[in-house]
Amino acid sequence: MRQALVCLVIILLAGAARADLTLVQKVEGAGGPANEVTVRIKGDKARIDATPQISTIVDGKTGEVLTLMKDQKAVVRISADKMKAAADMINKFTDKKKSTGPSKPAPTGRKEVINGYEAEEYTVETPIFKAAYWVAPQYPNGAAILKQLQAVKSDMWNSAKTKLPDYRELPALPIQTIIDLGTSKMTTTLISAKEDPLADSDFTVPADFKEITVPDLGRVEPSEKAETSTASSPHP
């Protein structure tokens, strides 16, 4: 659950920049021990290493998501269409009164010093969660880092109705994010950010990995159609 939240927080950002970027974040809560998550961004692609065994590669241009399972030497490839289908399925089971989009992050006036940087709190509440973003206007090269993070975004995510807030509404780089799901909280704190060149191979599938096929979500197989037809036919 926590890894999915980490990926969503990073994936669902928007904008344009092209410098290579590596972020190291500390993640706490959401049903697991504290651990470090490394995010690498090169152009329109991002790689999230949330655990030693699993890496996620996101193509912001196409919307494709690759999950590398290193211990199995396998990859799960999910297209933008399949991601949208998954979001549509979730929306079908969501209360209609919760179908509105998220409110915009608003300043609370609270200020704190986080990891040595003065930060200001912005909060947002959606039908799914509440979030607090501590932004640091004076973080070194913070504006450029925020734009680079935003480059991961694909227009596909808007059509998927993810209901996550848009970081374009924040005035500065968030160095700490607290997400409250009601039953659990997850805190993500930025430890470091550097703009060193990254290898293209970090964003490709290793040649010896086998691909695991993911079925089309929402697709009805022929056998299921037959069962449905039989069930709905009048009995003599």
Protein backbone atom coordinates (compact mmCIF):
# COMPACT_ATOMS: atom_id res chain seq x y z
CA MET A 1 0.00 0.00 0.00
CA ARG A 2 2.75 2.43 0.99
CA GLN A 3 4.79 1.76 -2.18
CA ALA A 4 1.74 2.54 -4.30
CA LEU A 5 1.27 5.83 -2.45
CA VAL A 6 4.94 6.74 -2.92
CA CYS A 7 4.69 6.09 -6.66
CA LEU A 8 1.46 8.09 -7.00
CA VAL A 9 2.85 11.05 -5.11
CA ILE A 10 5.84 11.15 -7.46
CA ILE A 11 4.14 10.18 -10.71
CA LEU A 12 1.26 12.63 -10.54
CA LEU A 13 3.25 15.82 -11.01
CA ALA A 14 3.28 18.13 -14.04
CA GLY A 15 5.40 20.58 -16.04
CA ALA A 16 8.58 20.71 -18.19
CA ALA A 17 12.33 20.58 -17.55
CA ARG A 18 15.20 18.44 -18.76
CA ALA A 19 18.08 18.31 -16.25
CA ASP A 20 18.89 14.89 -14.78
CA LEU A 21 17.83 14.75 -11.14
CA THR A 22 18.23 12.35 -8.21
CA LEU A 23 16.13 12.71 -5.06
CA VAL A 24 16.51 10.77 -1.84
CA GLN A 25 13.46 10.79 0.43
CA LYS A 26 12.69 9.35 3.84
CA VAL A 27 9.28 7.66 4.02
CA GLU A 28 7.61 6.92 7.35
CA GLY A 29 4.25 5.43 8.28
CA ALA A 30 1.51 3.87 6.11
CA GLY A 31 1.93 0.46 7.65
CA GLY A 32 5.68 -0.04 7.35
CA PRO A 33 9.06 0.81 8.88
CA ALA A 34 10.87 3.98 7.87
CA ASN A 35 12.91 3.60 4.70
CA GLU A 36 14.63 5.62 2.01
CA VAL A 37 13.19 5.99 -1.49
CA THR A 38 15.38 7.09 -4.38
CA VAL A 39 13.82 8.87 -7.34
CA ARG A 40 15.79 9.40 -10.56
CA ILE A 41 14.45 11.64 -13.32
CA LYS A 42 15.83 12.00 -16.83
CA GLY A 43 13.79 13.96 -19.37
CA ASP A 44 10.26 12.56 -19.46
CA LYS A 45 11.13 9.42 -17.49
CA ALA A 46 11.32 8.70 -13.79
CA ARG A 47 12.60 5.70 -11.86
CA ILE A 48 11.41 5.04 -8.30
CA ASP A 49 13.39 2.61 -6.14
CA ALA A 50 11.14 2.11 -3.12
CA THR A 51 12.62 -1.26 -2.10
CA PRO A 52 15.80 -3.18 -3.05
CA GLN A 53 13.66 -5.76 -4.87
CA ILE A 54 11.27 -3.55 -6.86
CA SER A 55 11.78 -0.53 -9.10
CA THR A 56 9.14 1.41 -11.02
CA ILE A 57 9.85 3.25 -14.26
CA VAL A 58 7.34 5.83 -15.46
CA ASP A 59 7.27 7.31 -18.97
CA GLY A 60 5.67 10.74 -18.60
CA LYS A 61 5.29 11.12 -22.37
CA THR A 62 3.39 7.88 -23.06
CA GLY A 63 1.93 7.21 -19.59
CA GLU A 64 3.42 3.68 -19.56
CA VAL A 65 4.47 2.23 -16.20
CA LEU A 66 7.07 -0.54 -15.86
CA THR A 67 7.53 -2.48 -12.62
CA LEU A 68 10.85 -4.33 -12.37
CA MET A 69 10.89 -7.31 -10.01
CA LYS A 70 14.62 -7.86 -9.65
CA ASP A 71 14.56 -11.08 -7.62
CA GLN A 72 12.37 -12.72 -10.29
CA LYS A 73 14.09 -10.96 -13.22
CA ALA A 74 10.63 -10.02 -14.48
CA VAL A 75 8.85 -6.88 -15.64
CA VAL A 76 5.18 -5.91 -15.58
CA ARG A 77 4.30 -3.42 -18.32
CA ILE A 78 1.12 -1.36 -17.90
CA SER A 79 0.10 0.91 -20.75
CA ALA A 80 -1.58 4.29 -20.34
CA ASP A 81 -4.86 2.74 -21.51
CA LYS A 82 -4.67 0.05 -18.82
CA MET A 83 -3.85 2.63 -16.17
CA LYS A 84 -6.88 4.64 -17.23
CA ALA A 85 -9.04 1.49 -17.19
CA ALA A 86 -7.88 0.75 -13.64
CA ALA A 87 -8.75 4.30 -12.55
CA ASP A 88 -12.16 4.04 -14.23
CA MET A 89 -12.89 0.79 -12.35
CA ILE A 90 -12.02 2.47 -9.06
CA ASN A 91 -14.24 5.42 -9.92
CA LYS A 92 -17.19 3.07 -10.53
CA PHE A 93 -17.02 1.95 -6.90
CA THR A 94 -16.61 5.47 -5.57
CA ASP A 95 -19.61 7.27 -4.11
CA LYS A 96 -21.00 9.70 -6.69
CA LYS A 97 -20.91 12.53 -4.20
CA LYS A 98 -17.13 12.00 -4.02
CA SER A 99 -16.59 12.43 -7.74
CA THR A 100 -15.55 16.09 -7.59
CA GLY A 101 -11.92 17.05 -8.11
CA PRO A 102 -9.53 18.07 -5.33
CA SER A 103 -9.53 21.51 -3.80
CA LYS A 104 -6.44 23.66 -4.36
CA PRO A 105 -3.67 23.66 -1.74
CA ALA A 106 -4.16 26.66 0.52
CA PRO A 107 -1.69 28.32 2.93
CA THR A 108 -2.38 27.87 6.63
CA GLY A 109 0.07 30.52 7.83
CA ARG A 110 2.02 27.96 9.84
CA LYS A 111 5.81 27.98 9.52
CA GLU A 112 8.45 25.53 10.72
CA VAL A 113 12.11 24.76 10.18
CA ILE A 114 12.49 21.34 8.51
CA ASN A 115 15.98 19.91 7.98
CA GLY A 116 17.40 23.39 8.40
CA TYR A 117 15.09 25.13 5.90
CA GLU A 118 12.25 27.51 6.68
CA ALA A 119 9.03 25.94 5.41
CA GLU A 120 5.44 27.07 5.01
CA GLU A 121 2.42 24.78 5.26
CA TYR A 122 -0.16 24.33 2.49
CA THR A 123 -3.05 21.91 2.94
CA VAL A 124 -5.56 20.25 0.66
CA GLU A 125 -8.48 17.92 1.27
CA THR A 126 -9.85 15.51 -1.32
CA PRO A 127 -12.53 12.79 -1.14
CA ILE A 128 -9.71 10.25 -0.69
CA PHE A 129 -7.22 11.90 1.67
CA LYS A 130 -6.00 15.01 3.44
CA ALA A 131 -2.52 16.32 2.74
CA ALA A 132 -0.14 18.87 4.21
CA TYR A 133 2.71 20.19 2.06
CA TRP A 134 5.60 21.99 3.72
CA VAL A 135 7.22 24.09 0.99
CA ALA A 136 10.64 25.71 1.28
CA PRO A 137 11.00 28.88 -0.86
CA GLN A 138 14.73 29.14 -0.05
CA TYR A 139 15.67 25.53 -0.78
CA PRO A 140 18.79 25.57 -3.02
CA ASN A 141 17.72 25.44 -6.68
CA GLY A 142 14.25 24.54 -5.44
CA ALA A 143 12.36 26.15 -8.33
CA ALA A 144 14.35 24.20 -10.93
CA ILE A 145 13.92 20.95 -8.98
CA LEU A 146 10.16 21.45 -8.79
CA LYS A 147 9.95 22.01 -12.55
CA GLN A 148 11.98 18.88 -13.19
CA LEU A 149 9.66 16.82 -11.00
CA GLN A 150 6.75 18.23 -12.93
CA ALA A 151 8.17 16.89 -16.20
CA VAL A 152 7.04 13.38 -15.27
CA LYS A 153 3.39 14.28 -15.80
CA SER A 154 1.40 12.91 -18.75
CA ASP A 155 -1.98 14.31 -19.84
CA MET A 156 -3.28 10.77 -19.39
CA TRP A 157 -3.33 11.22 -15.63
CA ASN A 158 -5.88 14.01 -15.92
CA SER A 159 -8.27 11.79 -17.86
CA ALA A 160 -7.74 9.02 -15.30
CA LYS A 161 -9.42 11.22 -12.63
CA THR A 162 -6.84 10.30 -9.98
CA LYS A 163 -8.14 13.01 -7.60
CA LEU A 164 -4.60 13.81 -6.46
CA PRO A 165 -3.61 17.49 -6.07
CA ASP A 166 -1.70 19.29 -8.79
CA TYR A 167 1.73 20.42 -7.65
CA ARG A 168 1.53 23.34 -10.07
CA GLU A 169 -0.64 24.96 -7.42
CA LEU A 170 2.25 25.01 -4.92
CA PRO A 171 4.50 28.11 -4.82
CA ALA A 172 7.72 26.26 -3.95
CA LEU A 173 9.31 22.84 -3.62
CA PRO A 174 7.65 20.67 -0.95
CA ILE A 175 10.36 19.23 1.30
CA GLN A 176 7.89 17.35 3.48
CA THR A 177 4.51 15.87 2.58
CA ILE A 178 2.07 14.32 5.05
CA ILE A 179 -0.79 12.29 3.60
CA ASP A 180 -3.65 11.28 5.90
CA LEU A 181 -5.85 8.48 4.56
CA GLY A 182 -8.01 8.39 7.65
CA THR A 183 -6.77 5.00 8.79
CA SER A 184 -3.07 5.73 8.31
CA LYS A 185 -0.60 8.52 7.60
CA MET A 186 2.49 8.66 5.42
CA THR A 187 5.23 11.28 5.84
CA THR A 188 7.75 11.85 3.05
CA THR A 189 10.74 14.10 3.80
CA LEU A 190 13.29 15.23 1.23
CA ILE A 191 16.81 14.28 2.32
CA SER A 192 18.85 15.35 -0.71
CA ALA A 193 18.54 16.49 -4.32
CA LYS A 194 21.35 16.56 -6.88
CA GLU A 195 21.56 17.21 -10.61
CA ASP A 196 24.18 14.72 -11.79
CA PRO A 197 24.00 13.02 -15.23
CA LEU A 198 22.12 9.69 -15.23
CA ALA A 199 22.62 6.72 -17.54
CA ASP A 200 19.90 5.85 -20.08
CA SER A 201 20.16 2.24 -18.89
CA ASP A 202 18.61 3.25 -15.56
CA PHE A 203 15.32 3.77 -17.42
CA THR A 204 15.24 0.63 -19.58
CA VAL A 205 14.34 -3.00 -18.90
CA PRO A 206 17.37 -5.30 -18.50
CA ALA A 207 17.76 -7.68 -21.45
CA ASP A 208 17.49 -10.81 -19.29
CA PHE A 209 14.13 -9.82 -17.73
CA LYS A 210 11.01 -11.67 -18.87
CA GLU A 211 7.73 -9.83 -19.34
CA ILE A 212 4.63 -10.77 -17.35
CA THR A 213 1.40 -10.18 -19.23
CA VAL A 214 -1.27 -8.12 -17.49
CA PRO A 215 -4.89 -8.85 -18.55
CA ASP A 216 -7.03 -6.01 -19.87
CA LEU A 217 -9.06 -4.57 -17.01
CA GLY A 218 -12.77 -4.44 -17.59
CA ARG A 219 -12.58 -6.93 -20.42
CA VAL A 220 -15.14 -9.73 -20.33
CA GLU A 221 -13.81 -13.10 -21.43
CA PRO A 222 -15.94 -15.31 -23.72
CA SER A 223 -16.64 -17.79 -20.91
CA GLU A 224 -17.86 -14.98 -18.69
CA LYS A 225 -20.12 -13.70 -21.46
CA ALA A 226 -21.63 -17.17 -21.86
CA GLU A 227 -22.29 -17.45 -18.12
CA THR A 228 -23.89 -14.01 -18.07
CA SER A 229 -26.06 -14.85 -21.06
CA THR A 230 -27.20 -18.13 -19.49
CA ALA A 231 -27.97 -16.47 -16.18
CA SER A 232 -30.06 -13.77 -17.81
CA SER A 233 -32.02 -16.11 -20.16
CA PRO A 234 -35.56 -17.03 -19.06
CA HIS A 235 -35.95 -20.62 -17.87
CA PRO A 236 -38.58 -22.83 -19.50
